Amino acid sequence: MLLPWLAAVFVLAMLLNAWRLLAGPGLPDRILALDTLYINALALLVLLGIWLDTEIYFDLALLIALLGFVSTVVLSKYVLRGDIVE
């Protein structure tokens, strides 16, 4: 039973990312921590979908991937330009 151990590792990684998100020294570090946090959440959802043999977790993972990508682009644009809308 390797899947519970992998789930525990992803939860630990998410906790460490949340710590970096809250205590990051700068805004780019916090954006990177948020990006890594959603990637770990995505991997955890895919792992749970495999473990529980259900497809709803894969749909949720796809939704989180879409929202995470858009939020990373928007936050990066805000850091570079200071404004989101051109």
N, C-alpha and C. Protein backbone atom coordinates (compact mmCIF):
# COMPACT_ATOMS: atom_id res chain seq x y z
N MET A 1 0.83 -1.19 0.00
CA MET A 1 0.00 0.00 0.00
C MET A 1 0.88 1.25 0.00
N LEU A 2 1.26 1.66 -1.15
CA LEU A 2 2.11 2.82 -1.32
C LEU A 2 1.32 4.13 -1.38
N LEU A 3 0.06 4.06 -1.78
CA LEU A 3 -0.71 5.28 -1.99
C LEU A 3 -0.94 6.11 -0.71
N PRO A 4 -1.20 5.50 0.46
CA PRO A 4 -1.32 6.34 1.66
C PRO A 4 -0.03 7.08 2.01
N TRP A 5 1.11 6.45 1.77
CA TRP A 5 2.39 7.12 2.03
C TRP A 5 2.60 8.28 1.07
N LEU A 6 2.25 8.08 -0.17
CA LEU A 6 2.37 9.18 -1.14
C LEU A 6 1.43 10.33 -0.80
N ALA A 7 0.23 10.01 -0.35
CA ALA A 7 -0.71 11.06 0.05
C ALA A 7 -0.15 11.84 1.24
N ALA A 8 0.47 11.15 2.17
CA ALA A 8 1.07 11.83 3.33
C ALA A 8 2.21 12.75 2.89
N VAL A 9 2.99 12.31 1.93
CA VAL A 9 4.10 13.14 1.43
C VAL A 9 3.56 14.39 0.74
N PHE A 10 2.50 14.25 -0.04
CA PHE A 10 1.92 15.42 -0.70
C PHE A 10 1.29 16.38 0.30
N VAL A 11 0.68 15.86 1.35
CA VAL A 11 0.12 16.73 2.38
C VAL A 11 1.25 17.48 3.11
N LEU A 12 2.35 16.79 3.39
CA LEU A 12 3.50 17.45 4.00
C LEU A 12 4.06 18.54 3.08
N ALA A 13 4.14 18.25 1.80
CA ALA A 13 4.62 19.26 0.84
C ALA A 13 3.68 20.45 0.79
N MET A 14 2.38 20.21 0.88
CA MET A 14 1.43 21.31 0.88
C MET A 14 1.55 22.16 2.14
N LEU A 15 1.82 21.53 3.26
CA LEU A 15 2.03 22.29 4.50
C LEU A 15 3.29 23.16 4.42
N LEU A 16 4.35 22.61 3.85
CA LEU A 16 5.56 23.39 3.68
C LEU A 16 5.36 24.55 2.70
N ASN A 17 4.58 24.31 1.65
CA ASN A 17 4.27 25.39 0.70
C ASN A 17 3.42 26.47 1.35
N ALA A 18 2.48 26.07 2.19
CA ALA A 18 1.65 27.05 2.89
C ALA A 18 2.50 27.88 3.85
N TRP A 19 3.49 27.25 4.48
CA TRP A 19 4.38 28.01 5.35
C TRP A 19 5.18 29.03 4.55
N ARG A 20 5.67 28.64 3.39
CA ARG A 20 6.42 29.58 2.55
C ARG A 20 5.51 30.68 2.03
N LEU A 21 4.26 30.36 1.78
CA LEU A 21 3.31 31.35 1.31
C LEU A 21 3.06 32.41 2.38
N LEU A 22 2.99 32.00 3.62
CA LEU A 22 2.73 32.94 4.71
C LEU A 22 3.98 33.68 5.17
N ALA A 23 5.13 33.02 5.12
CA ALA A 23 6.36 33.61 5.66
C ALA A 23 7.38 33.95 4.59
N GLY A 24 6.95 33.99 3.36
CA GLY A 24 7.90 34.26 2.28
C GLY A 24 8.50 35.65 2.39
N PRO A 25 9.77 35.80 2.02
CA PRO A 25 10.39 37.12 2.17
C PRO A 25 9.89 38.16 1.17
N GLY A 26 9.45 37.72 0.01
CA GLY A 26 9.01 38.69 -0.99
C GLY A 26 7.81 38.18 -1.76
N LEU A 27 7.25 39.07 -2.58
CA LEU A 27 6.07 38.72 -3.36
C LEU A 27 6.35 37.63 -4.40
N PRO A 28 7.47 37.66 -5.13
CA PRO A 28 7.73 36.57 -6.07
C PRO A 28 7.84 35.19 -5.39
N ASP A 29 8.42 35.16 -4.18
CA ASP A 29 8.50 33.90 -3.45
C ASP A 29 7.11 33.39 -3.07
N ARG A 30 6.24 34.29 -2.71
CA ARG A 30 4.88 33.90 -2.35
C ARG A 30 4.10 33.41 -3.56
N ILE A 31 4.31 34.04 -4.71
CA ILE A 31 3.64 33.59 -5.92
C ILE A 31 4.13 32.20 -6.31
N LEU A 32 5.42 31.98 -6.20
CA LEU A 32 5.97 30.66 -6.50
C LEU A 32 5.45 29.61 -5.52
N ALA A 33 5.31 29.97 -4.25
CA ALA A 33 4.76 29.05 -3.26
C ALA A 33 3.31 28.73 -3.57
N LEU A 34 2.54 29.71 -4.00
CA LEU A 34 1.15 29.48 -4.38
C LEU A 34 1.06 28.57 -5.60
N ASP A 35 1.94 28.79 -6.56
CA ASP A 35 1.98 27.96 -7.75
C ASP A 35 2.32 26.51 -7.39
N THR A 36 3.29 26.32 -6.54
CA THR A 36 3.67 24.97 -6.12
C THR A 36 2.59 24.33 -5.26
N LEU A 37 1.88 25.14 -4.49
CA LEU A 37 0.78 24.63 -3.67
C LEU A 37 -0.34 24.07 -4.53
N TYR A 38 -0.69 24.76 -5.59
CA TYR A 38 -1.76 24.22 -6.42
C TYR A 38 -1.28 23.01 -7.23
N ILE A 39 -0.02 22.93 -7.57
CA ILE A 39 0.50 21.74 -8.24
C ILE A 39 0.45 20.53 -7.31
N ASN A 40 0.80 20.74 -6.04
CA ASN A 40 0.72 19.65 -5.07
C ASN A 40 -0.73 19.24 -4.81
N ALA A 41 -1.63 20.20 -4.77
CA ALA A 41 -3.06 19.87 -4.61
C ALA A 41 -3.56 19.09 -5.82
N LEU A 42 -3.10 19.46 -6.98
CA LEU A 42 -3.45 18.73 -8.20
C LEU A 42 -2.97 17.29 -8.15
N ALA A 43 -1.72 17.10 -7.74
CA ALA A 43 -1.18 15.74 -7.63
C ALA A 43 -1.90 14.93 -6.56
N LEU A 44 -2.28 15.57 -5.47
CA LEU A 44 -3.02 14.87 -4.42
C LEU A 44 -4.40 14.45 -4.90
N LEU A 45 -5.07 15.28 -5.67
CA LEU A 45 -6.38 14.92 -6.20
C LEU A 45 -6.28 13.77 -7.20
N VAL A 46 -5.26 13.78 -8.04
CA VAL A 46 -5.08 12.67 -8.98
C VAL A 46 -4.77 11.38 -8.21
N LEU A 47 -3.97 11.49 -7.18
CA LEU A 47 -3.66 10.33 -6.35
C LEU A 47 -4.91 9.78 -5.65
N LEU A 48 -5.75 10.68 -5.14
CA LEU A 48 -6.99 10.23 -4.51
C LEU A 48 -7.95 9.61 -5.53
N GLY A 49 -7.95 10.13 -6.74
CA GLY A 49 -8.78 9.55 -7.78
C GLY A 49 -8.34 8.14 -8.13
N ILE A 50 -7.04 7.90 -8.14
CA ILE A 50 -6.53 6.55 -8.40
C ILE A 50 -6.83 5.64 -7.22
N TRP A 51 -6.62 6.16 -6.01
CA TRP A 51 -6.80 5.37 -4.80
C TRP A 51 -8.26 4.96 -4.59
N LEU A 52 -9.19 5.89 -4.78
CA LEU A 52 -10.61 5.61 -4.55
C LEU A 52 -11.34 5.12 -5.79
N ASP A 53 -10.65 5.09 -6.92
CA ASP A 53 -11.19 4.59 -8.18
C ASP A 53 -12.48 5.32 -8.58
N THR A 54 -12.40 6.64 -8.57
CA THR A 54 -13.52 7.47 -9.00
C THR A 54 -13.02 8.57 -9.92
N GLU A 55 -13.88 9.02 -10.79
CA GLU A 55 -13.47 9.99 -11.81
C GLU A 55 -13.70 11.45 -11.40
N ILE A 56 -14.42 11.69 -10.35
CA ILE A 56 -14.73 13.07 -9.96
C ILE A 56 -13.47 13.83 -9.56
N TYR A 57 -12.51 13.14 -8.98
CA TYR A 57 -11.27 13.80 -8.57
C TYR A 57 -10.44 14.25 -9.77
N PHE A 58 -10.54 13.53 -10.87
CA PHE A 58 -9.82 13.94 -12.07
C PHE A 58 -10.44 15.21 -12.66
N ASP A 59 -11.76 15.32 -12.59
CA ASP A 59 -12.42 16.54 -13.06
C ASP A 59 -12.05 17.72 -12.17
N LEU A 60 -12.01 17.51 -10.87
CA LEU A 60 -11.59 18.57 -9.96
C LEU A 60 -10.14 18.97 -10.20
N ALA A 61 -9.29 18.00 -10.49
CA ALA A 61 -7.89 18.29 -10.77
C ALA A 61 -7.75 19.13 -12.03
N LEU A 62 -8.56 18.84 -13.02
CA LEU A 62 -8.53 19.63 -14.25
C LEU A 62 -8.98 21.07 -14.00
N LEU A 63 -10.00 21.24 -13.17
CA LEU A 63 -10.48 22.57 -12.83
C LEU A 63 -9.43 23.34 -12.04
N ILE A 64 -8.78 22.70 -11.09
CA ILE A 64 -7.74 23.36 -10.31
C ILE A 64 -6.55 23.72 -11.20
N ALA A 65 -6.21 22.86 -12.15
CA ALA A 65 -5.10 23.17 -13.06
C ALA A 65 -5.41 24.41 -13.90
N LEU A 66 -6.64 24.51 -14.37
CA LEU A 66 -7.03 25.67 -15.18
C LEU A 66 -7.00 26.95 -14.35
N LEU A 67 -7.59 26.91 -13.17
CA LEU A 67 -7.62 28.10 -12.32
C LEU A 67 -6.23 28.47 -11.81
N GLY A 68 -5.42 27.47 -11.52
CA GLY A 68 -4.06 27.74 -11.05
C GLY A 68 -3.20 28.38 -12.11
N PHE A 69 -3.33 27.92 -13.35
CA PHE A 69 -2.55 28.52 -14.43
C PHE A 69 -2.96 29.97 -14.65
N VAL A 70 -4.25 30.21 -14.69
CA VAL A 70 -4.73 31.58 -14.91
C VAL A 70 -4.30 32.49 -13.77
N SER A 71 -4.40 32.01 -12.54
CA SER A 71 -4.02 32.86 -11.41
C SER A 71 -2.52 33.14 -11.41
N THR A 72 -1.71 32.18 -11.81
CA THR A 72 -0.27 32.42 -11.88
C THR A 72 0.06 33.47 -12.94
N VAL A 73 -0.59 33.40 -14.08
CA VAL A 73 -0.36 34.39 -15.14
C VAL A 73 -0.80 35.78 -14.68
N VAL A 74 -1.95 35.86 -14.04
CA VAL A 74 -2.45 37.16 -13.59
C VAL A 74 -1.55 37.75 -12.51
N LEU A 75 -1.14 36.95 -11.55
CA LEU A 75 -0.27 37.47 -10.49
C LEU A 75 1.10 37.88 -11.03
N SER A 76 1.63 37.11 -11.97
CA SER A 76 2.92 37.48 -12.57
C SER A 76 2.81 38.78 -13.36
N LYS A 77 1.71 38.94 -14.06
CA LYS A 77 1.49 40.18 -14.80
C LYS A 77 1.35 41.36 -13.85
N TYR A 78 0.72 41.14 -12.72
CA TYR A 78 0.59 42.21 -11.73
C TYR A 78 1.95 42.59 -11.14
N VAL A 79 2.79 41.61 -10.89
CA VAL A 79 4.11 41.91 -10.33
C VAL A 79 4.96 42.66 -11.34
N LEU A 80 4.90 42.27 -12.61
CA LEU A 80 5.73 42.92 -13.63
C LEU A 80 5.27 44.33 -13.96
N ARG A 81 3.96 44.52 -14.10
CA ARG A 81 3.45 45.79 -14.60
C ARG A 81 2.79 46.66 -13.54
N GLY A 82 2.38 46.06 -12.44
CA GLY A 82 1.66 46.82 -11.42
C GLY A 82 0.19 46.97 -11.71
N ASP A 83 -0.26 46.43 -12.83
CA ASP A 83 -1.67 46.50 -13.22
C ASP A 83 -2.02 45.24 -13.99
N ILE A 84 -3.23 44.78 -13.86
CA ILE A 84 -3.64 43.56 -14.54
C ILE A 84 -4.17 43.86 -15.94
N VAL A 85 -4.97 44.88 -16.07
CA VAL A 85 -5.58 45.25 -17.34
C VAL A 85 -4.65 46.22 -18.06
N GLU A 86 -4.44 45.98 -19.34
CA GLU A 86 -3.52 46.83 -20.11
C GLU A 86 -4.13 48.16 -20.42
